[in-house]
Amino acid sequence: MADDPLKRFIEITGASEDEAANFLGSRTDVEICVNDYFDFLASAGAPPPPAEPEVRAPIAPIEDVMLPPDVANPHALPVVVDNLRDFRVEAELQQAALTGEGDTSRRRFEDLFRPPVDLLFKGGDFLNAKEFAKSEKKWILVDLQNSNVFLSVVLNRDLWQSPSLTSYIQEHFLLVQYNVTSTEGSKFQRTYNVDESDYPHVQVIDPRTGESLEKLGGEGVSLDPVYVTAFLKAFIHLNGSPDNFDAPKNVTPRDVRRLLEEERELQEAIQRSMS
C-alpha cells in the first residue's frame, strides 16, 4: 500500500482528492483520520463509500484427511484480522446503542469540528447582528453551514482557527454562523437565494442596508485561510468601515493577487521563525 498518507486515505475511504486533502490537513495518522472520516459520514446521515473488492491469489490445492466438525480442533482455525476496522470505536457505538447514552460518532464529530464560539456573535438574531455591527462600525461576515457538505463543516477546523485570519476578523468584521437547518439559517438561505451548489458559503453583508457585497466559496471550493485573509484585506482596503458613505466597491482578482502574495510571504516568515 502506498506510503503517502493522502493516497492511502483515498484508497481506504474512496474519497475525492480534495476531500482527502481537506480532511487530513496536517495530520499524518491515517487510521485516526479514516475513523474520523467515517464518523463524519455517519453523523451527516450519508453511507460510507463502498469498499473495492479485494482480489487475492487463488488458494493452492492441498491433500488432507477430512474430519467431521465434532472432531476438528476449533483452536486451529485461522484468525482473520481486519486492519481497516476500529474495534474500539465499534465497541463505543454498540455500548451507546445499548445504554442510550448518545451517539458516540456524533460527539467525536462535534468535538473535531466545533464552531469558533469565541469569535462568533452571540447577541441574538440577524437583525440584532446588523444593529450591533453598525454600532461597532464593522461589516458582517456570515458563514452559512450545511452539515451534509464536508467542505462547509471543515471551515470550523481549517479556516476559523487561523490566528492571523481571526485577529483580522475581530478588528473589522462581525462573524455570524448559522446552520441552514436552523430558523435563522433557513431564513438567511431564502433571503439571499443560497442553493445547494453554493456550499461552502461565506458572505460579506453591509449592516446598514443588508446588501450582500461579496461571496466566497461554492461547490467543491476549499476556502484556504491565506486566500480568505488576503480577500478580506483587499475588501477593507477598498471600503474601509461601514461609516464610509461611499458606495461599496467589489474586490477584483487583481486586488487579491497582490495581497495574497504578501500574506503568503508573511505566513512563510512565521513558519520559519517557529522552526
C-alpha atoms as a PDB file:
ATOM      1  CA  MET A   1       0.000   0.000   0.000  1.00  0.00           C
ATOM      2  CA  ALA A   2       1.263   3.496  -0.759  1.00  0.00           C
ATOM      3  CA  ASP A   3       3.243   5.305   1.974  1.00  0.00           C
ATOM      4  CA  ASP A   4       1.749   8.676   1.014  1.00  0.00           C
ATOM      5  CA  PRO A   5      -0.975   9.447   3.647  1.00  0.00           C
ATOM      6  CA  LEU A   6      -3.162  11.176   1.051  1.00  0.00           C
ATOM      7  CA  LYS A   7      -3.096   8.218  -1.361  1.00  0.00           C
ATOM      8  CA  ARG A   8      -3.620   5.737   1.440  1.00  0.00           C
ATOM      9  CA  PHE A   9      -6.597   7.733   2.770  1.00  0.00           C
ATOM     10  CA  ILE A  10      -8.184   7.791  -0.708  1.00  0.00           C
ATOM     11  CA  GLU A  11      -7.582   4.053  -1.232  1.00  0.00           C
ATOM     12  CA  ILE A  12      -9.273   3.200   2.073  1.00  0.00           C
ATOM     13  CA  THR A  13     -12.212   5.642   2.002  1.00  0.00           C
ATOM     14  CA  GLY A  14     -12.880   6.194  -1.692  1.00  0.00           C
ATOM     15  CA  ALA A  15     -12.963   9.968  -1.001  1.00  0.00           C
ATOM     16  CA  SER A  16     -12.037  12.500  -3.662  1.00  0.00           C
ATOM     17  CA  GLU A  17      -8.571  14.046  -3.594  1.00  0.00           C
ATOM     18  CA  ASP A  18      -9.968  17.422  -2.411  1.00  0.00           C
ATOM     19  CA  GLU A  19     -11.961  15.788   0.397  1.00  0.00           C
ATOM     20  CA  ALA A  20      -8.952  13.730   1.452  1.00  0.00           C
ATOM     21  CA  ALA A  21      -6.611  16.735   1.460  1.00  0.00           C
ATOM     22  CA  ASN A  22      -9.029  18.844   3.479  1.00  0.00           C
ATOM     23  CA  PHE A  23      -9.805  16.071   5.942  1.00  0.00           C
ATOM     24  CA  LEU A  24      -6.173  15.099   6.545  1.00  0.00           C
ATOM     25  CA  GLY A  25      -4.980  18.680   6.887  1.00  0.00           C
ATOM     26  CA  SER A  26      -1.560  18.498   8.529  1.00  0.00           C
ATOM     27  CA  ARG A  27      -2.276  15.194  10.244  1.00  0.00           C
ATOM     28  CA  THR A  28      -0.330  12.070   9.250  1.00  0.00           C
ATOM     29  CA  ASP A  29      -2.055   9.347  11.299  1.00  0.00           C
ATOM     30  CA  VAL A  30      -4.143   7.846   8.509  1.00  0.00           C
ATOM     31  CA  GLU A  31      -6.017   5.331  10.672  1.00  0.00           C
ATOM     32  CA  ILE A  32      -7.339   8.055  13.000  1.00  0.00           C
ATOM     33  CA  CYS A  33      -8.274  10.244  10.016  1.00  0.00           C
ATOM     34  CA  VAL A  34     -10.105   7.333   8.341  1.00  0.00           C
ATOM     35  CA  ASN A  35     -12.102   6.676  11.510  1.00  0.00           C
ATOM     36  CA  ASP A  36     -12.958  10.392  11.814  1.00  0.00           C
ATOM     37  CA  TYR A  37     -13.991  10.469   8.147  1.00  0.00           C
ATOM     38  CA  PHE A  38     -16.446   7.585   8.557  1.00  0.00           C
ATOM     39  CA  ASP A  39     -17.718   9.189  11.779  1.00  0.00           C
ATOM     40  CA  PHE A  40     -18.400  12.353   9.765  1.00  0.00           C
ATOM     41  CA  LEU A  41     -20.337  10.384   7.126  1.00  0.00           C
ATOM     42  CA  ALA A  42     -22.353   8.629   9.822  1.00  0.00           C
ATOM     43  CA  SER A  43     -23.165  11.887  11.606  1.00  0.00           C
ATOM     44  CA  ALA A  44     -24.244  13.519   8.338  1.00  0.00           C
ATOM     45  CA  GLY A  45     -26.512  10.579   7.504  1.00  0.00           C
ATOM     46  CA  ALA A  46     -24.501   9.515   4.456  1.00  0.00           C
ATOM     47  CA  PRO A  47     -23.454   5.893   3.893  1.00  0.00           C
ATOM     48  CA  PRO A  48     -19.696   5.251   3.643  1.00  0.00           C
ATOM     49  CA  PRO A  49     -18.401   4.732   0.097  1.00  0.00           C
ATOM     50  CA  PRO A  50     -18.405   1.071  -0.954  1.00  0.00           C
ATOM     51  CA  ALA A  51     -15.059  -0.610  -0.481  1.00  0.00           C
ATOM     52  CA  GLU A  52     -13.417  -2.005  -3.574  1.00  0.00           C
ATOM     53  CA  PRO A  53     -13.371  -5.808  -3.518  1.00  0.00           C
ATOM     54  CA  GLU A  54     -10.016  -7.261  -2.539  1.00  0.00           C
ATOM     55  CA  VAL A  55      -8.592  -9.637  -5.124  1.00  0.00           C
ATOM     56  CA  ARG A  56      -6.355 -12.276  -3.615  1.00  0.00           C
ATOM     57  CA  ALA A  57      -4.301 -15.036  -5.093  1.00  0.00           C
ATOM     58  CA  PRO A  58      -6.016 -18.431  -5.555  1.00  0.00           C
ATOM     59  CA  ILE A  59      -5.611 -20.896  -2.674  1.00  0.00           C
ATOM     60  CA  ALA A  60      -3.198 -23.673  -3.538  1.00  0.00           C
ATOM     61  CA  PRO A  61      -4.795 -27.181  -3.613  1.00  0.00           C
ATOM     62  CA  ILE A  62      -3.918 -29.468  -0.680  1.00  0.00           C
ATOM     63  CA  GLU A  63      -4.472 -33.116   0.143  1.00  0.00           C
ATOM     64  CA  ASP A  64      -5.589 -33.945   3.684  1.00  0.00           C
ATOM     65  CA  VAL A  65      -7.926 -36.098   5.748  1.00  0.00           C
ATOM     66  CA  MET A  66     -11.403 -34.668   6.130  1.00  0.00           C
ATOM     67  CA  LEU A  67     -12.519 -34.572   9.775  1.00  0.00           C
ATOM     68  CA  PRO A  68     -16.103 -34.190  10.956  1.00  0.00           C
ATOM     69  CA  PRO A  69     -16.911 -30.900  12.745  1.00  0.00           C
ATOM     70  CA  ASP A  70     -17.102 -32.539  16.159  1.00  0.00           C
ATOM     71  CA  VAL A  71     -13.532 -33.851  15.819  1.00  0.00           C
ATOM     72  CA  ALA A  72     -11.849 -30.783  14.308  1.00  0.00           C
ATOM     73  CA  ASN A  73      -9.940 -28.567  16.749  1.00  0.00           C
ATOM     74  CA  PRO A  74     -11.648 -25.143  16.709  1.00  0.00           C
ATOM     75  CA  HIS A  75      -8.486 -23.506  18.062  1.00  0.00           C
ATOM     76  CA  ALA A  76      -6.675 -24.496  14.881  1.00  0.00           C
ATOM     77  CA  LEU A  77      -8.938 -22.337  12.722  1.00  0.00           C
ATOM     78  CA  PRO A  78      -7.244 -19.264  11.172  1.00  0.00           C
ATOM     79  CA  VAL A  79      -7.975 -15.918  12.786  1.00  0.00           C
ATOM     80  CA  VAL A  80      -8.837 -13.105  10.367  1.00  0.00           C
ATOM     81  CA  VAL A  81      -7.997  -9.552  11.442  1.00  0.00           C
ATOM     82  CA  ASP A  82      -9.422  -6.581   9.548  1.00  0.00           C
ATOM     83  CA  ASN A  83      -6.881  -3.745   9.864  1.00  0.00           C
ATOM     84  CA  LEU A  84      -9.351  -1.198   8.489  1.00  0.00           C
ATOM     85  CA  ARG A  85     -11.810  -1.532  11.384  1.00  0.00           C
ATOM     86  CA  ASP A  86     -11.525   0.395  14.633  1.00  0.00           C
ATOM     87  CA  PHE A  87     -12.924  -2.085  17.139  1.00  0.00           C
ATOM     88  CA  ARG A  88     -12.665   0.445  19.979  1.00  0.00           C
ATOM     89  CA  VAL A  89     -14.987   2.815  18.131  1.00  0.00           C
ATOM     90  CA  GLU A  90     -17.355  -0.023  17.226  1.00  0.00           C
ATOM     91  CA  ALA A  91     -17.498  -1.065  20.875  1.00  0.00           C
ATOM     92  CA  GLU A  92     -18.305   2.525  21.886  1.00  0.00           C
ATOM     93  CA  LEU A  93     -21.089   2.711  19.326  1.00  0.00           C
ATOM     94  CA  GLN A  94     -22.554  -0.604  20.456  1.00  0.00           C
ATOM     95  CA  GLN A  95     -22.369   0.487  24.094  1.00  0.00           C
ATOM     96  CA  ALA A  96     -24.087   3.767  23.259  1.00  0.00           C
ATOM     97  CA  ALA A  97     -26.837   1.928  21.392  1.00  0.00           C
ATOM     98  CA  LEU A  98     -27.403  -0.490  24.284  1.00  0.00           C
ATOM     99  CA  THR A  99     -27.326   2.084  27.082  1.00  0.00           C
ATOM    100  CA  GLY A 100     -28.917   5.002  25.223  1.00  0.00           C
ATOM    101  CA  GLU A 101     -26.034   7.249  26.221  1.00  0.00           C
ATOM    102  CA  GLY A 102     -25.992   9.009  22.857  1.00  0.00           C
ATOM    103  CA  ASP A 103     -24.299   8.882  19.503  1.00  0.00           C
ATOM    104  CA  THR A 104     -20.561   8.485  20.047  1.00  0.00           C
ATOM    105  CA  SER A 105     -19.683   9.186  16.435  1.00  0.00           C
ATOM    106  CA  ARG A 106     -21.624  12.452  16.502  1.00  0.00           C
ATOM    107  CA  ARG A 107     -19.867  13.505  19.708  1.00  0.00           C
ATOM    108  CA  ARG A 108     -16.481  12.848  18.119  1.00  0.00           C
ATOM    109  CA  PHE A 109     -17.527  14.734  15.000  1.00  0.00           C
ATOM    110  CA  GLU A 110     -18.733  17.732  17.016  1.00  0.00           C
ATOM    111  CA  ASP A 111     -15.513  17.832  19.026  1.00  0.00           C
ATOM    112  CA  LEU A 112     -13.407  17.787  15.864  1.00  0.00           C
ATOM    113  CA  PHE A 113     -15.405  20.495  14.067  1.00  0.00           C
ATOM    114  CA  ARG A 114     -16.596  22.626  16.967  1.00  0.00           C
ATOM    115  CA  PRO A 115     -17.781  26.148  15.942  1.00  0.00           C
ATOM    116  CA  PRO A 116     -15.467  29.077  16.824  1.00  0.00           C
ATOM    117  CA  VAL A 117     -17.605  30.167  19.775  1.00  0.00           C
ATOM    118  CA  ASP A 118     -15.092  32.785  20.955  1.00  0.00           C
ATOM    119  CA  LEU A 119     -15.239  34.501  17.570  1.00  0.00           C
ATOM    120  CA  LEU A 120     -18.984  34.348  16.866  1.00  0.00           C
ATOM    121  CA  PHE A 121     -21.659  36.967  17.516  1.00  0.00           C
ATOM    122  CA  LYS A 122     -23.920  35.640  20.256  1.00  0.00           C
ATOM    123  CA  GLY A 123     -26.294  38.557  20.713  1.00  0.00           C
ATOM    124  CA  GLY A 124     -29.422  37.226  19.021  1.00  0.00           C
ATOM    125  CA  ASP A 125     -30.877  37.047  15.522  1.00  0.00           C
ATOM    126  CA  PHE A 126     -29.649  38.587  12.266  1.00  0.00           C
ATOM    127  CA  LEU A 127     -31.449  41.890  12.896  1.00  0.00           C
ATOM    128  CA  ASN A 128     -29.597  42.233  16.193  1.00  0.00           C
ATOM    129  CA  ALA A 129     -26.346  41.362  14.425  1.00  0.00           C
ATOM    130  CA  LYS A 130     -26.906  44.174  11.915  1.00  0.00           C
ATOM    131  CA  GLU A 131     -27.616  46.715  14.654  1.00  0.00           C
ATOM    132  CA  PHE A 132     -24.579  45.634  16.660  1.00  0.00           C
ATOM    133  CA  ALA A 133     -22.311  45.701  13.585  1.00  0.00           C
ATOM    134  CA  LYS A 134     -23.472  49.239  12.762  1.00  0.00           C
ATOM    135  CA  SER A 135     -22.728  50.400  16.291  1.00  0.00           C
ATOM    136  CA  GLU A 136     -19.263  48.795  16.135  1.00  0.00           C
ATOM    137  CA  LYS A 137     -18.637  50.090  12.580  1.00  0.00           C
ATOM    138  CA  LYS A 138     -17.920  46.578  11.308  1.00  0.00           C
ATOM    139  CA  TRP A 139     -19.020  44.603   8.265  1.00  0.00           C
ATOM    140  CA  ILE A 140     -20.948  41.355   8.794  1.00  0.00           C
ATOM    141  CA  LEU A 141     -19.303  38.093   7.752  1.00  0.00           C
ATOM    142  CA  VAL A 142     -21.840  35.251   7.510  1.00  0.00           C
ATOM    143  CA  ASP A 143     -20.869  31.579   7.406  1.00  0.00           C
ATOM    144  CA  LEU A 144     -23.949  29.582   6.385  1.00  0.00           C
ATOM    145  CA  GLN A 145     -23.114  25.955   7.154  1.00  0.00           C
ATOM    146  CA  ASN A 146     -24.531  22.784   5.658  1.00  0.00           C
ATOM    147  CA  SER A 147     -23.786  19.685   7.755  1.00  0.00           C
ATOM    148  CA  ASN A 148     -24.123  17.463   4.677  1.00  0.00           C
ATOM    149  CA  VAL A 149     -21.248  19.242   2.864  1.00  0.00           C
ATOM    150  CA  PHE A 150     -17.840  18.412   4.297  1.00  0.00           C
ATOM    151  CA  LEU A 151     -16.089  21.471   2.802  1.00  0.00           C
ATOM    152  CA  SER A 152     -18.642  23.599   4.651  1.00  0.00           C
ATOM    153  CA  VAL A 153     -18.228  21.967   8.064  1.00  0.00           C
ATOM    154  CA  VAL A 154     -14.419  21.833   7.810  1.00  0.00           C
ATOM    155  CA  LEU A 155     -14.289  25.647   7.920  1.00  0.00           C
ATOM    156  CA  ASN A 156     -14.610  25.376  11.705  1.00  0.00           C
ATOM    157  CA  ARG A 157     -11.351  23.452  11.860  1.00  0.00           C
ATOM    158  CA  ASP A 158      -9.289  24.865   8.999  1.00  0.00           C
ATOM    159  CA  LEU A 159     -10.496  28.441   8.479  1.00  0.00           C
ATOM    160  CA  TRP A 160     -11.871  29.968  11.659  1.00  0.00           C
ATOM    161  CA  GLN A 161      -8.965  28.649  13.748  1.00  0.00           C
ATOM    162  CA  SER A 162      -6.305  30.538  11.753  1.00  0.00           C
ATOM    163  CA  PRO A 163      -4.719  33.106  14.154  1.00  0.00           C
ATOM    164  CA  SER A 164      -3.933  35.742  11.505  1.00  0.00           C
ATOM    165  CA  LEU A 165      -7.421  35.486   9.994  1.00  0.00           C
ATOM    166  CA  THR A 166      -9.288  35.541  13.302  1.00  0.00           C
ATOM    167  CA  SER A 167      -7.389  38.605  14.541  1.00  0.00           C
ATOM    168  CA  TYR A 168      -8.253  40.453  11.315  1.00  0.00           C
ATOM    169  CA  ILE A 169     -11.914  39.428  11.572  1.00  0.00           C
ATOM    170  CA  GLN A 170     -12.134  40.656  15.168  1.00  0.00           C
ATOM    171  CA  GLU A 171     -10.814  44.040  14.074  1.00  0.00           C
ATOM    172  CA  HIS A 172     -13.020  44.640  11.021  1.00  0.00           C
ATOM    173  CA  PHE A 173     -15.902  42.127  10.894  1.00  0.00           C
ATOM    174  CA  LEU A 174     -18.695  40.600  12.947  1.00  0.00           C
ATOM    175  CA  LEU A 175     -18.734  36.839  12.308  1.00  0.00           C
ATOM    176  CA  VAL A 176     -22.168  35.216  12.276  1.00  0.00           C
ATOM    177  CA  GLN A 177     -22.635  31.485  11.741  1.00  0.00           C
ATOM    178  CA  TYR A 178     -25.907  29.659  11.055  1.00  0.00           C
ATOM    179  CA  ASN A 179     -26.710  26.080  10.142  1.00  0.00           C
ATOM    180  CA  VAL A 180     -29.028  26.002   7.147  1.00  0.00           C
ATOM    181  CA  THR A 181     -31.469  23.783   9.077  1.00  0.00           C
ATOM    182  CA  SER A 182     -31.922  26.352  11.877  1.00  0.00           C
ATOM    183  CA  THR A 183     -34.646  29.008  11.850  1.00  0.00           C
ATOM    184  CA  GLU A 184     -32.203  31.878  11.207  1.00  0.00           C
ATOM    185  CA  GLY A 185     -30.197  29.796   8.736  1.00  0.00           C
ATOM    186  CA  SER A 186     -33.273  28.848   6.728  1.00  0.00           C
ATOM    187  CA  LYS A 187     -34.399  32.484   6.695  1.00  0.00           C
ATOM    188  CA  PHE A 188     -30.954  33.636   5.513  1.00  0.00           C
ATOM    189  CA  GLN A 189     -30.913  30.960   2.798  1.00  0.00           C
ATOM    190  CA  ARG A 190     -34.254  32.144   1.416  1.00  0.00           C
ATOM    191  CA  THR A 191     -33.465  35.865   1.676  1.00  0.00           C
ATOM    192  CA  TYR A 192     -30.100  35.600  -0.098  1.00  0.00           C
ATOM    193  CA  ASN A 193     -31.070  32.789  -2.528  1.00  0.00           C
ATOM    194  CA  VAL A 194     -28.424  30.299  -1.398  1.00  0.00           C
ATOM    195  CA  ASP A 195     -28.806  26.959  -3.196  1.00  0.00           C
ATOM    196  CA  GLU A 196     -27.237  23.524  -2.733  1.00  0.00           C
ATOM    197  CA  SER A 197     -24.329  24.289  -5.072  1.00  0.00           C
ATOM    198  CA  ASP A 198     -23.255  27.329  -3.015  1.00  0.00           C
ATOM    199  CA  TYR A 199     -21.565  25.467  -0.145  1.00  0.00           C
ATOM    200  CA  PRO A 200     -19.215  26.210   1.485  1.00  0.00           C
ATOM    201  CA  HIS A 201     -20.840  29.619   1.731  1.00  0.00           C
ATOM    202  CA  VAL A 202     -19.444  32.827   3.238  1.00  0.00           C
ATOM    203  CA  GLN A 203     -20.858  36.298   2.548  1.00  0.00           C
ATOM    204  CA  VAL A 204     -19.889  39.870   3.396  1.00  0.00           C
ATOM    205  CA  ILE A 205     -23.030  41.837   4.312  1.00  0.00           C
ATOM    206  CA  ASP A 206     -23.483  45.607   4.605  1.00  0.00           C
ATOM    207  CA  PRO A 207     -25.013  46.108   8.090  1.00  0.00           C
ATOM    208  CA  ARG A 208     -26.650  49.380   7.034  1.00  0.00           C
ATOM    209  CA  THR A 209     -28.662  48.004   4.110  1.00  0.00           C
ATOM    210  CA  GLY A 210     -28.441  44.205   4.458  1.00  0.00           C
ATOM    211  CA  GLU A 211     -26.992  44.083   0.939  1.00  0.00           C
ATOM    212  CA  SER A 212     -24.761  41.148   0.020  1.00  0.00           C
ATOM    213  CA  LEU A 213     -21.441  42.662  -1.064  1.00  0.00           C
ATOM    214  CA  GLU A 214     -19.154  39.653  -1.580  1.00  0.00           C
ATOM    215  CA  LYS A 215     -19.440  35.862  -1.688  1.00  0.00           C
ATOM    216  CA  LEU A 216     -16.776  33.247  -1.059  1.00  0.00           C
ATOM    217  CA  GLY A 217     -16.966  29.506  -1.645  1.00  0.00           C
ATOM    218  CA  GLY A 218     -19.205  27.394  -3.835  1.00  0.00           C
ATOM    219  CA  GLU A 219     -19.429  23.741  -4.767  1.00  0.00           C
ATOM    220  CA  GLY A 220     -16.066  21.960  -4.497  1.00  0.00           C
ATOM    221  CA  VAL A 221     -14.222  25.109  -3.369  1.00  0.00           C
ATOM    222  CA  SER A 222     -11.800  24.781  -0.469  1.00  0.00           C
ATOM    223  CA  LEU A 223     -11.504  28.079   1.399  1.00  0.00           C
ATOM    224  CA  ASP A 224      -7.845  28.496   2.317  1.00  0.00           C
ATOM    225  CA  PRO A 225      -7.087  30.790   5.324  1.00  0.00           C
ATOM    226  CA  VAL A 226      -4.323  32.633   3.450  1.00  0.00           C
ATOM    227  CA  TYR A 227      -6.610  33.369   0.483  1.00  0.00           C
ATOM    228  CA  VAL A 228      -9.566  34.416   2.659  1.00  0.00           C
ATOM    229  CA  THR A 229      -7.327  36.719   4.733  1.00  0.00           C
ATOM    230  CA  ALA A 230      -5.990  38.364   1.567  1.00  0.00           C
ATOM    231  CA  PHE A 231      -9.511  38.716   0.162  1.00  0.00           C
ATOM    232  CA  LEU A 232     -10.862  40.380   3.317  1.00  0.00           C
ATOM    233  CA  LYS A 233      -7.847  42.695   3.490  1.00  0.00           C
ATOM    234  CA  ALA A 234      -8.472  43.733  -0.116  1.00  0.00           C
ATOM    235  CA  PHE A 235     -12.116  44.428   0.766  1.00  0.00           C
ATOM    236  CA  ILE A 236     -11.146  46.628   3.729  1.00  0.00           C
ATOM    237  CA  HIS A 237      -8.507  48.482   1.668  1.00  0.00           C
ATOM    238  CA  LEU A 238     -11.214  49.328  -0.867  1.00  0.00           C
ATOM    239  CA  ASN A 239     -14.076  50.112   1.504  1.00  0.00           C
ATOM    240  CA  GLY A 240     -12.758  50.958   4.949  1.00  0.00           C
ATOM    241  CA  SER A 241     -15.510  50.685   7.562  1.00  0.00           C
ATOM    242  CA  PRO A 242     -19.312  50.872   7.133  1.00  0.00           C
ATOM    243  CA  ASP A 243     -19.372  54.502   8.311  1.00  0.00           C
ATOM    244  CA  ASN A 244     -17.774  55.394   4.969  1.00  0.00           C
ATOM    245  CA  PHE A 245     -20.582  56.949   2.912  1.00  0.00           C
ATOM    246  CA  ASP A 246     -19.121  55.973  -0.453  1.00  0.00           C
ATOM    247  CA  ALA A 247     -20.814  53.133  -2.322  1.00  0.00           C
ATOM    248  CA  PRO A 248     -19.114  49.792  -1.505  1.00  0.00           C
ATOM    249  CA  LYS A 249     -16.604  48.588  -4.083  1.00  0.00           C
ATOM    250  CA  ASN A 250     -16.193  44.966  -5.173  1.00  0.00           C
ATOM    251  CA  VAL A 251     -12.907  43.115  -4.796  1.00  0.00           C
ATOM    252  CA  THR A 252     -11.241  42.125  -8.088  1.00  0.00           C
ATOM    253  CA  PRO A 253      -8.831  39.184  -8.653  1.00  0.00           C
ATOM    254  CA  ARG A 254      -6.048  41.741  -9.174  1.00  0.00           C
ATOM    255  CA  ASP A 255      -6.704  43.223  -5.715  1.00  0.00           C
ATOM    256  CA  VAL A 256      -6.478  39.779  -4.136  1.00  0.00           C
ATOM    257  CA  ARG A 257      -3.364  38.650  -6.045  1.00  0.00           C
ATOM    258  CA  ARG A 258      -1.220  41.475  -4.686  1.00  0.00           C
ATOM    259  CA  LEU A 259      -2.276  40.936  -1.080  1.00  0.00           C
ATOM    260  CA  LEU A 260      -2.207  37.167  -1.452  1.00  0.00           C
ATOM    261  CA  GLU A 261       1.490  37.237  -2.240  1.00  0.00           C
ATOM    262  CA  GLU A 262       2.125  39.461   0.781  1.00  0.00           C
ATOM    263  CA  GLU A 263       0.068  37.185   3.018  1.00  0.00           C
ATOM    264  CA  ARG A 264       1.880  34.054   1.840  1.00  0.00           C
ATOM    265  CA  GLU A 265       5.269  35.676   2.459  1.00  0.00           C
ATOM    266  CA  LEU A 266       4.097  36.650   5.955  1.00  0.00           C
ATOM    267  CA  GLN A 267       2.921  33.111   6.731  1.00  0.00           C
ATOM    268  CA  GLU A 268       6.184  31.620   5.433  1.00  0.00           C
ATOM    269  CA  ALA A 269       8.166  34.016   7.651  1.00  0.00           C
ATOM    270  CA  ILE A 270       6.067  32.973  10.661  1.00  0.00           C
ATOM    271  CA  GLN A 271       6.661  29.293   9.885  1.00  0.00           C
ATOM    272  CA  ARG A 272      10.416  29.860   9.570  1.00  0.00           C
ATOM    273  CA  SER A 273      10.538  31.684  12.880  1.00  0.00           C
ATOM    274  CA  MET A 274       8.767  28.767  14.574  1.00  0.00           C
ATOM    275  CA  SER A 275      11.034  26.077  13.112  1.00  0.00           C
END
